[in-house]
Amino acid sequence: MSYILSSSKNFKKTKRDSYISTLQSLPDDLLIDILSRVGSISFTDFFNAKLSCKDFLEVSEEKFIMKNISVEKFHAVPWWEVKDEISSFLKACEESGNPELLYRQGMMEFFSLKKVESGEEHLKRAMEMEHMEASYVYGIILLCKGGGYSNEDQGIKLLNTVKKSRKLGECRERTRAFILSMWVKNPIAKSQELITSCHAETCGGRNNGGGGRRRGWPWIYERDEDVKDENFCEACIWDDEVSLFCKQFS
């Protein structure tokens, strides 16, 4: 019996040594790519992986990994003191360009801390990395700001991108949850209706006095539901969207 147990231990040790030897033979670029893929799916798996061997640990703080790591495990707006090591980790991820953390920082700065320009810049950076909620909120902000065709056109394009991704309902749900979780000190409001882009001759929204316009987000939890409203032009559809978004602050 002792011989069997000894053989089993030796087999496990040999298998582990072989595993470590294989990792040590891999170039750093490949180790970074492996750890980044693991981290983008699960922070817990990333944490366990980097502790499993020295090679993973040595590359675990590379910017590419920090940029792509999932931070869903951490609350967007913690209501308790965050440990220093966690705070430092999240700060490193943000500085590495992690789109989720850029989005979160942008939301906090724009809506809660009244750092409007910095908040917009964070949301814009996250949007440029195709973060859907950031694209949604930044598009809404542009339409609320007004300022002519340029802002309006870009805002509509961003919202159309979100719509085409079939994640509009999810974006509404997640941004609403985020807004409800923080102290809002800078609510936004519409500056004007999107008249410059309205197809007045064919748009049912304005020619019919807005009689058929939506009164809420009935599909907010139907994440794959697309916007289907053939009676309205794009400008009127997104004008309604802005109105409903802004009502969250009233």
C-alpha atoms as a PDB file:
ATOM      1  CA  MET A   1       0.000   0.000   0.000  1.00  0.00           C
ATOM      2  CA  SER A   2       2.801   2.426   0.883  1.00  0.00           C
ATOM      3  CA  TYR A   3       4.408   1.684  -2.495  1.00  0.00           C
ATOM      4  CA  ILE A   4       1.160   2.644  -4.299  1.00  0.00           C
ATOM      5  CA  LEU A   5       0.846   5.916  -2.335  1.00  0.00           C
ATOM      6  CA  SER A   6       4.476   6.747  -3.006  1.00  0.00           C
ATOM      7  CA  SER A   7       4.058   6.064  -6.721  1.00  0.00           C
ATOM      8  CA  SER A   8       0.964   8.261  -6.816  1.00  0.00           C
ATOM      9  CA  LYS A   9       2.803  11.157  -5.165  1.00  0.00           C
ATOM     10  CA  ASN A  10       5.737  10.792  -7.518  1.00  0.00           C
ATOM     11  CA  PHE A  11       3.396  10.789 -10.513  1.00  0.00           C
ATOM     12  CA  LYS A  12       1.696  13.989  -9.345  1.00  0.00           C
ATOM     13  CA  LYS A  13       5.059  15.651  -8.699  1.00  0.00           C
ATOM     14  CA  THR A  14       6.336  14.623 -12.122  1.00  0.00           C
ATOM     15  CA  LYS A  15       3.163  15.920 -13.782  1.00  0.00           C
ATOM     16  CA  ARG A  16       3.442  19.272 -11.972  1.00  0.00           C
ATOM     17  CA  ASP A  17       7.135  19.603 -12.804  1.00  0.00           C
ATOM     18  CA  SER A  18       6.324  18.906 -16.443  1.00  0.00           C
ATOM     19  CA  TYR A  19       3.588  21.568 -16.372  1.00  0.00           C
ATOM     20  CA  ILE A  20       5.948  24.156 -14.864  1.00  0.00           C
ATOM     21  CA  SER A  21       8.699  23.236 -17.312  1.00  0.00           C
ATOM     22  CA  THR A  22       6.283  23.731 -20.217  1.00  0.00           C
ATOM     23  CA  LEU A  23       5.263  27.195 -18.968  1.00  0.00           C
ATOM     24  CA  GLN A  24       8.882  28.210 -18.461  1.00  0.00           C
ATOM     25  CA  SER A  25       9.577  27.367 -22.072  1.00  0.00           C
ATOM     26  CA  LEU A  26       6.885  29.751 -23.334  1.00  0.00           C
ATOM     27  CA  PRO A  27       7.811  33.316 -24.384  1.00  0.00           C
ATOM     28  CA  ASP A  28       6.462  36.176 -22.256  1.00  0.00           C
ATOM     29  CA  ASP A  29       4.187  37.399 -25.060  1.00  0.00           C
ATOM     30  CA  LEU A  30       2.364  34.076 -25.080  1.00  0.00           C
ATOM     31  CA  LEU A  31       2.118  33.989 -21.277  1.00  0.00           C
ATOM     32  CA  ILE A  32       0.635  37.488 -21.340  1.00  0.00           C
ATOM     33  CA  ASP A  33      -1.871  36.467 -24.012  1.00  0.00           C
ATOM     34  CA  ILE A  34      -2.926  33.359 -22.046  1.00  0.00           C
ATOM     35  CA  LEU A  35      -3.328  35.255 -18.779  1.00  0.00           C
ATOM     36  CA  SER A  36      -5.180  38.081 -20.530  1.00  0.00           C
ATOM     37  CA  ARG A  37      -7.687  35.645 -22.021  1.00  0.00           C
ATOM     38  CA  VAL A  38      -8.214  34.007 -18.633  1.00  0.00           C
ATOM     39  CA  GLY A  39      -8.613  37.378 -16.911  1.00  0.00           C
ATOM     40  CA  SER A  40     -11.075  38.714 -19.476  1.00  0.00           C
ATOM     41  CA  ILE A  41     -13.463  35.911 -18.511  1.00  0.00           C
ATOM     42  CA  SER A  42     -12.948  35.636 -14.760  1.00  0.00           C
ATOM     43  CA  PHE A  43     -10.957  37.640 -12.229  1.00  0.00           C
ATOM     44  CA  THR A  44     -11.015  34.666  -9.839  1.00  0.00           C
ATOM     45  CA  ASP A  45      -9.448  32.373 -12.446  1.00  0.00           C
ATOM     46  CA  PHE A  46      -6.882  35.074 -13.232  1.00  0.00           C
ATOM     47  CA  PHE A  47      -5.970  35.393  -9.553  1.00  0.00           C
ATOM     48  CA  ASN A  48      -5.614  31.632  -9.156  1.00  0.00           C
ATOM     49  CA  ALA A  49      -3.598  31.341 -12.365  1.00  0.00           C
ATOM     50  CA  LYS A  50      -1.069  33.997 -11.413  1.00  0.00           C
ATOM     51  CA  LEU A  51      -0.511  32.263  -8.066  1.00  0.00           C
ATOM     52  CA  SER A  52      -0.073  28.881  -9.715  1.00  0.00           C
ATOM     53  CA  CYS A  53       3.428  29.594 -10.986  1.00  0.00           C
ATOM     54  CA  LYS A  54       6.167  32.204 -10.925  1.00  0.00           C
ATOM     55  CA  ASP A  55       6.014  32.806 -14.693  1.00  0.00           C
ATOM     56  CA  PHE A  56       2.371  33.931 -14.628  1.00  0.00           C
ATOM     57  CA  LEU A  57       3.004  36.021 -11.517  1.00  0.00           C
ATOM     58  CA  GLU A  58       5.857  37.904 -13.184  1.00  0.00           C
ATOM     59  CA  VAL A  59       3.705  39.040 -16.134  1.00  0.00           C
ATOM     60  CA  SER A  60       0.437  39.504 -14.214  1.00  0.00           C
ATOM     61  CA  GLU A  61       0.767  43.288 -14.003  1.00  0.00           C
ATOM     62  CA  GLU A  62       1.406  43.884 -17.695  1.00  0.00           C
ATOM     63  CA  LYS A  63      -0.739  46.725 -19.092  1.00  0.00           C
ATOM     64  CA  PHE A  64      -2.295  44.516 -21.769  1.00  0.00           C
ATOM     65  CA  ILE A  65      -3.631  42.182 -19.065  1.00  0.00           C
ATOM     66  CA  MET A  66      -4.848  45.047 -16.863  1.00  0.00           C
ATOM     67  CA  LYS A  67      -6.611  46.574 -19.859  1.00  0.00           C
ATOM     68  CA  ASN A  68      -8.574  43.426 -20.676  1.00  0.00           C
ATOM     69  CA  ILE A  69      -9.233  41.932 -17.251  1.00  0.00           C
ATOM     70  CA  SER A  70     -12.836  41.517 -16.103  1.00  0.00           C
ATOM     71  CA  VAL A  71     -13.784  43.697 -13.126  1.00  0.00           C
ATOM     72  CA  GLU A  72     -17.413  42.561 -12.900  1.00  0.00           C
ATOM     73  CA  LYS A  73     -16.571  41.007  -9.514  1.00  0.00           C
ATOM     74  CA  PHE A  74     -16.076  44.486  -8.039  1.00  0.00           C
ATOM     75  CA  HIS A  75     -18.998  46.785  -7.286  1.00  0.00           C
ATOM     76  CA  ALA A  76     -19.224  49.819  -9.534  1.00  0.00           C
ATOM     77  CA  VAL A  77     -20.024  52.094  -6.587  1.00  0.00           C
ATOM     78  CA  PRO A  78     -18.861  50.469  -3.323  1.00  0.00           C
ATOM     79  CA  TRP A  79     -20.641  51.696  -0.201  1.00  0.00           C
ATOM     80  CA  TRP A  80     -17.823  50.646   2.098  1.00  0.00           C
ATOM     81  CA  GLU A  81     -14.110  51.335   2.356  1.00  0.00           C
ATOM     82  CA  VAL A  82     -12.145  49.485  -0.299  1.00  0.00           C
ATOM     83  CA  LYS A  83      -8.924  47.764   0.752  1.00  0.00           C
ATOM     84  CA  ASP A  84      -5.748  49.472  -0.409  1.00  0.00           C
ATOM     85  CA  GLU A  85      -4.587  46.511  -2.505  1.00  0.00           C
ATOM     86  CA  ILE A  86      -7.929  46.327  -4.320  1.00  0.00           C
ATOM     87  CA  SER A  87      -7.997  50.092  -4.857  1.00  0.00           C
ATOM     88  CA  SER A  88      -4.437  50.005  -6.230  1.00  0.00           C
ATOM     89  CA  PHE A  89      -5.305  47.108  -8.525  1.00  0.00           C
ATOM     90  CA  LEU A  90      -8.382  48.856  -9.944  1.00  0.00           C
ATOM     91  CA  LYS A  91      -6.440  52.097 -10.375  1.00  0.00           C
ATOM     92  CA  ALA A  92      -3.751  50.223 -12.317  1.00  0.00           C
ATOM     93  CA  CYS A  93      -6.439  48.705 -14.543  1.00  0.00           C
ATOM     94  CA  GLU A  94      -7.977  52.123 -15.200  1.00  0.00           C
ATOM     95  CA  GLU A  95      -4.588  53.666 -16.010  1.00  0.00           C
ATOM     96  CA  SER A  96      -3.976  50.775 -18.423  1.00  0.00           C
ATOM     97  CA  GLY A  97      -7.156  51.719 -20.302  1.00  0.00           C
ATOM     98  CA  ASN A  98      -9.591  49.110 -18.991  1.00  0.00           C
ATOM     99  CA  PRO A  99     -12.834  50.164 -20.768  1.00  0.00           C
ATOM    100  CA  GLU A 100     -15.182  49.075 -17.961  1.00  0.00           C
ATOM    101  CA  LEU A 101     -13.270  51.095 -15.378  1.00  0.00           C
ATOM    102  CA  LEU A 102     -13.042  54.083 -17.716  1.00  0.00           C
ATOM    103  CA  TYR A 103     -16.823  53.871 -18.098  1.00  0.00           C
ATOM    104  CA  ARG A 104     -17.359  53.655 -14.341  1.00  0.00           C
ATOM    105  CA  GLN A 105     -15.033  56.571 -13.645  1.00  0.00           C
ATOM    106  CA  GLY A 106     -16.719  58.594 -16.363  1.00  0.00           C
ATOM    107  CA  MET A 107     -20.163  57.938 -14.904  1.00  0.00           C
ATOM    108  CA  MET A 108     -19.028  58.909 -11.391  1.00  0.00           C
ATOM    109  CA  GLU A 109     -17.250  62.060 -12.518  1.00  0.00           C
ATOM    110  CA  PHE A 110     -19.980  63.286 -14.857  1.00  0.00           C
ATOM    111  CA  PHE A 111     -23.106  62.535 -12.825  1.00  0.00           C
ATOM    112  CA  SER A 112     -21.877  62.573  -9.223  1.00  0.00           C
ATOM    113  CA  LEU A 113     -18.630  64.525  -8.845  1.00  0.00           C
ATOM    114  CA  LYS A 114     -19.562  67.295 -11.308  1.00  0.00           C
ATOM    115  CA  LYS A 115     -16.293  66.842 -13.192  1.00  0.00           C
ATOM    116  CA  VAL A 116     -18.091  67.154 -16.494  1.00  0.00           C
ATOM    117  CA  GLU A 117     -15.163  67.488 -18.906  1.00  0.00           C
ATOM    118  CA  SER A 118     -13.137  64.701 -17.280  1.00  0.00           C
ATOM    119  CA  GLY A 119     -16.238  62.492 -17.075  1.00  0.00           C
ATOM    120  CA  GLU A 120     -16.982  63.003 -20.761  1.00  0.00           C
ATOM    121  CA  GLU A 121     -13.374  62.219 -21.651  1.00  0.00           C
ATOM    122  CA  HIS A 122     -13.448  58.927 -19.715  1.00  0.00           C
ATOM    123  CA  LEU A 123     -16.745  57.926 -21.349  1.00  0.00           C
ATOM    124  CA  LYS A 124     -15.384  58.887 -24.766  1.00  0.00           C
ATOM    125  CA  ARG A 125     -12.269  56.747 -24.272  1.00  0.00           C
ATOM    126  CA  ALA A 126     -14.382  53.771 -23.206  1.00  0.00           C
ATOM    127  CA  MET A 127     -16.705  54.360 -26.186  1.00  0.00           C
ATOM    128  CA  GLU A 128     -13.726  54.348 -28.563  1.00  0.00           C
ATOM    129  CA  MET A 129     -12.933  50.849 -27.273  1.00  0.00           C
ATOM    130  CA  GLU A 130     -16.495  49.789 -28.173  1.00  0.00           C
ATOM    131  CA  HIS A 131     -17.829  49.646 -24.623  1.00  0.00           C
ATOM    132  CA  MET A 132     -21.587  49.525 -25.235  1.00  0.00           C
ATOM    133  CA  GLU A 133     -22.847  51.283 -22.086  1.00  0.00           C
ATOM    134  CA  ALA A 134     -20.284  54.048 -22.575  1.00  0.00           C
ATOM    135  CA  SER A 135     -21.403  54.424 -26.198  1.00  0.00           C
ATOM    136  CA  TYR A 136     -25.014  54.629 -25.065  1.00  0.00           C
ATOM    137  CA  VAL A 137     -24.438  57.220 -22.333  1.00  0.00           C
ATOM    138  CA  TYR A 138     -22.004  59.293 -24.395  1.00  0.00           C
ATOM    139  CA  GLY A 139     -24.497  59.324 -27.267  1.00  0.00           C
ATOM    140  CA  ILE A 140     -27.238  60.534 -24.896  1.00  0.00           C
ATOM    141  CA  ILE A 141     -24.943  63.244 -23.514  1.00  0.00           C
ATOM    142  CA  LEU A 142     -24.129  64.519 -27.017  1.00  0.00           C
ATOM    143  CA  LEU A 143     -27.823  64.747 -27.888  1.00  0.00           C
ATOM    144  CA  CYS A 144     -28.551  66.547 -24.603  1.00  0.00           C
ATOM    145  CA  LYS A 145     -25.767  69.061 -25.188  1.00  0.00           C
ATOM    146  CA  GLY A 146     -27.153  70.195 -28.507  1.00  0.00           C
ATOM    147  CA  GLY A 147     -24.692  72.538 -30.141  1.00  0.00           C
ATOM    148  CA  GLY A 148     -25.604  71.850 -33.716  1.00  0.00           C
ATOM    149  CA  TYR A 149     -25.574  69.083 -36.263  1.00  0.00           C
ATOM    150  CA  SER A 150     -22.159  67.667 -35.346  1.00  0.00           C
ATOM    151  CA  ASN A 151     -23.082  66.572 -31.806  1.00  0.00           C
ATOM    152  CA  GLU A 152     -26.507  65.434 -32.924  1.00  0.00           C
ATOM    153  CA  ASP A 153     -25.195  63.395 -35.814  1.00  0.00           C
ATOM    154  CA  GLN A 154     -22.488  61.712 -33.729  1.00  0.00           C
ATOM    155  CA  GLY A 155     -24.945  61.000 -30.905  1.00  0.00           C
ATOM    156  CA  ILE A 156     -27.429  59.341 -33.262  1.00  0.00           C
ATOM    157  CA  LYS A 157     -24.670  57.268 -34.876  1.00  0.00           C
ATOM    158  CA  LEU A 158     -23.524  56.013 -31.468  1.00  0.00           C
ATOM    159  CA  LEU A 159     -27.050  55.047 -30.426  1.00  0.00           C
ATOM    160  CA  ASN A 160     -27.588  53.296 -33.756  1.00  0.00           C
ATOM    161  CA  THR A 161     -24.409  51.316 -33.102  1.00  0.00           C
ATOM    162  CA  VAL A 162     -25.806  50.202 -29.744  1.00  0.00           C
ATOM    163  CA  LYS A 163     -29.112  49.307 -31.386  1.00  0.00           C
ATOM    164  CA  LYS A 164     -27.393  47.234 -34.072  1.00  0.00           C
ATOM    165  CA  SER A 165     -25.478  45.326 -31.393  1.00  0.00           C
ATOM    166  CA  ARG A 166     -28.882  44.235 -30.017  1.00  0.00           C
ATOM    167  CA  LYS A 167     -27.801  45.316 -26.529  1.00  0.00           C
ATOM    168  CA  LEU A 168     -29.948  48.410 -26.174  1.00  0.00           C
ATOM    169  CA  GLY A 169     -32.160  46.891 -23.473  1.00  0.00           C
ATOM    170  CA  GLU A 170     -29.122  45.676 -21.554  1.00  0.00           C
ATOM    171  CA  CYS A 171     -27.499  49.115 -21.759  1.00  0.00           C
ATOM    172  CA  ARG A 172     -30.648  50.772 -20.423  1.00  0.00           C
ATOM    173  CA  GLU A 173     -30.866  48.303 -17.565  1.00  0.00           C
ATOM    174  CA  ARG A 174     -27.204  48.562 -16.570  1.00  0.00           C
ATOM    175  CA  THR A 175     -26.970  52.362 -16.817  1.00  0.00           C
ATOM    176  CA  ARG A 176     -30.170  52.748 -14.835  1.00  0.00           C
ATOM    177  CA  ALA A 177     -28.810  50.441 -12.116  1.00  0.00           C
ATOM    178  CA  PHE A 178     -25.567  52.437 -12.063  1.00  0.00           C
ATOM    179  CA  ILE A 179     -27.376  55.772 -11.759  1.00  0.00           C
ATOM    180  CA  LEU A 180     -29.544  54.444  -8.927  1.00  0.00           C
ATOM    181  CA  SER A 181     -26.443  53.284  -7.042  1.00  0.00           C
ATOM    182  CA  MET A 182     -24.776  56.711  -6.733  1.00  0.00           C
ATOM    183  CA  TRP A 183     -25.530  60.197  -5.490  1.00  0.00           C
ATOM    184  CA  VAL A 184     -26.508  62.154  -8.599  1.00  0.00           C
ATOM    185  CA  LYS A 185     -25.431  65.789  -8.335  1.00  0.00           C
ATOM    186  CA  ASN A 186     -25.311  66.603 -12.031  1.00  0.00           C
ATOM    187  CA  PRO A 187     -28.534  65.422 -13.696  1.00  0.00           C
ATOM    188  CA  ILE A 188     -28.789  66.129 -17.406  1.00  0.00           C
ATOM    189  CA  ALA A 189     -31.701  67.522 -19.358  1.00  0.00           C
ATOM    190  CA  LYS A 190     -32.557  67.916 -23.013  1.00  0.00           C
ATOM    191  CA  SER A 191     -31.556  71.213 -24.552  1.00  0.00           C
ATOM    192  CA  GLN A 192     -34.042  70.935 -27.425  1.00  0.00           C
ATOM    193  CA  GLU A 193     -35.838  68.454 -29.656  1.00  0.00           C
ATOM    194  CA  LEU A 194     -33.816  66.961 -32.479  1.00  0.00           C
ATOM    195  CA  ILE A 195     -35.587  69.007 -35.095  1.00  0.00           C
ATOM    196  CA  THR A 196     -32.599  69.436 -37.392  1.00  0.00           C
ATOM    197  CA  SER A 197     -32.568  65.741 -38.249  1.00  0.00           C
ATOM    198  CA  CYS A 198     -36.309  65.033 -38.180  1.00  0.00           C
ATOM    199  CA  HIS A 199     -37.753  63.824 -41.480  1.00  0.00           C
ATOM    200  CA  ALA A 200     -40.765  66.066 -41.028  1.00  0.00           C
ATOM    201  CA  GLU A 201     -42.654  65.003 -44.160  1.00  0.00           C
ATOM    202  CA  THR A 202     -42.596  61.292 -43.341  1.00  0.00           C
ATOM    203  CA  CYS A 203     -42.210  61.232 -39.551  1.00  0.00           C
ATOM    204  CA  GLY A 204     -45.373  60.154 -37.744  1.00  0.00           C
ATOM    205  CA  GLY A 205     -44.085  61.473 -34.445  1.00  0.00           C
ATOM    206  CA  ARG A 206     -44.395  65.164 -35.282  1.00  0.00           C
ATOM    207  CA  ASN A 207     -46.968  65.181 -38.088  1.00  0.00           C
ATOM    208  CA  ASN A 208     -49.361  63.278 -35.860  1.00  0.00           C
ATOM    209  CA  GLY A 209     -48.714  65.395 -32.799  1.00  0.00           C
ATOM    210  CA  GLY A 210     -46.688  62.637 -31.212  1.00  0.00           C
ATOM    211  CA  GLY A 211     -49.839  60.624 -30.577  1.00  0.00           C
ATOM    212  CA  GLY A 212     -48.176  57.277 -31.058  1.00  0.00           C
ATOM    213  CA  ARG A 213     -44.975  58.005 -29.163  1.00  0.00           C
ATOM    214  CA  ARG A 214     -43.694  55.624 -26.519  1.00  0.00           C
ATOM    215  CA  ARG A 215     -44.327  56.276 -22.842  1.00  0.00           C
ATOM    216  CA  GLY A 216     -41.686  53.999 -21.399  1.00  0.00           C
ATOM    217  CA  TRP A 217     -39.160  51.246 -22.006  1.00  0.00           C
ATOM    218  CA  PRO A 218     -41.398  48.144 -22.222  1.00  0.00           C
ATOM    219  CA  TRP A 219     -38.555  45.994 -23.566  1.00  0.00           C
ATOM    220  CA  ILE A 220     -35.921  47.081 -21.055  1.00  0.00           C
ATOM    221  CA  TYR A 221     -35.322  43.506 -19.881  1.00  0.00           C
ATOM    222  CA  GLU A 222     -35.719  41.963 -23.338  1.00  0.00           C
ATOM    223  CA  ARG A 223     -32.049  42.338 -24.131  1.00  0.00           C
ATOM    224  CA  ASP A 224     -32.171  41.064 -27.694  1.00  0.00           C
ATOM    225  CA  GLU A 225     -35.203  43.111 -28.709  1.00  0.00           C
ATOM    226  CA  ASP A 226     -34.509  45.691 -31.386  1.00  0.00           C
ATOM    227  CA  VAL A 227     -36.144  49.078 -31.766  1.00  0.00           C
ATOM    228  CA  LYS A 228     -39.009  48.672 -34.220  1.00  0.00           C
ATOM    229  CA  ASP A 229     -40.929  51.865 -34.773  1.00  0.00           C
ATOM    230  CA  GLU A 230     -41.443  52.458 -38.470  1.00  0.00           C
ATOM    231  CA  ASN A 231     -43.706  55.474 -37.913  1.00  0.00           C
ATOM    232  CA  PHE A 232     -40.874  57.632 -36.579  1.00  0.00           C
ATOM    233  CA  CYS A 233     -37.634  58.827 -38.069  1.00  0.00           C
ATOM    234  CA  GLU A 234     -34.350  58.157 -36.284  1.00  0.00           C
ATOM    235  CA  ALA A 235     -34.231  61.639 -34.782  1.00  0.00           C
ATOM    236  CA  CYS A 236     -37.630  61.234 -33.142  1.00  0.00           C
ATOM    237  CA  ILE A 237     -36.883  57.717 -31.876  1.00  0.00           C
ATOM    238  CA  TRP A 238     -33.705  58.908 -30.180  1.00  0.00           C
ATOM    239  CA  ASP A 239     -35.362  62.124 -29.030  1.00  0.00           C
ATOM    240  CA  ASP A 240     -37.775  59.915 -27.109  1.00  0.00           C
ATOM    241  CA  GLU A 241     -34.842  57.877 -25.815  1.00  0.00           C
ATOM    242  CA  VAL A 242     -33.176  61.012 -24.456  1.00  0.00           C
ATOM    243  CA  SER A 243     -36.421  62.124 -22.792  1.00  0.00           C
ATOM    244  CA  LEU A 244     -36.858  58.777 -21.074  1.00  0.00           C
ATOM    245  CA  PHE A 245     -33.216  58.715 -19.965  1.00  0.00           C
ATOM    246  CA  CYS A 246     -33.487  62.212 -18.474  1.00  0.00           C
ATOM    247  CA  LYS A 247     -36.678  61.313 -16.601  1.00  0.00           C
ATOM    248  CA  GLN A 248     -34.591  59.069 -14.371  1.00  0.00           C
ATOM    249  CA  PHE A 249     -33.290  62.218 -12.674  1.00  0.00           C
ATOM    250  CA  SER A 250     -36.637  63.865 -12.037  1.00  0.00           C
END
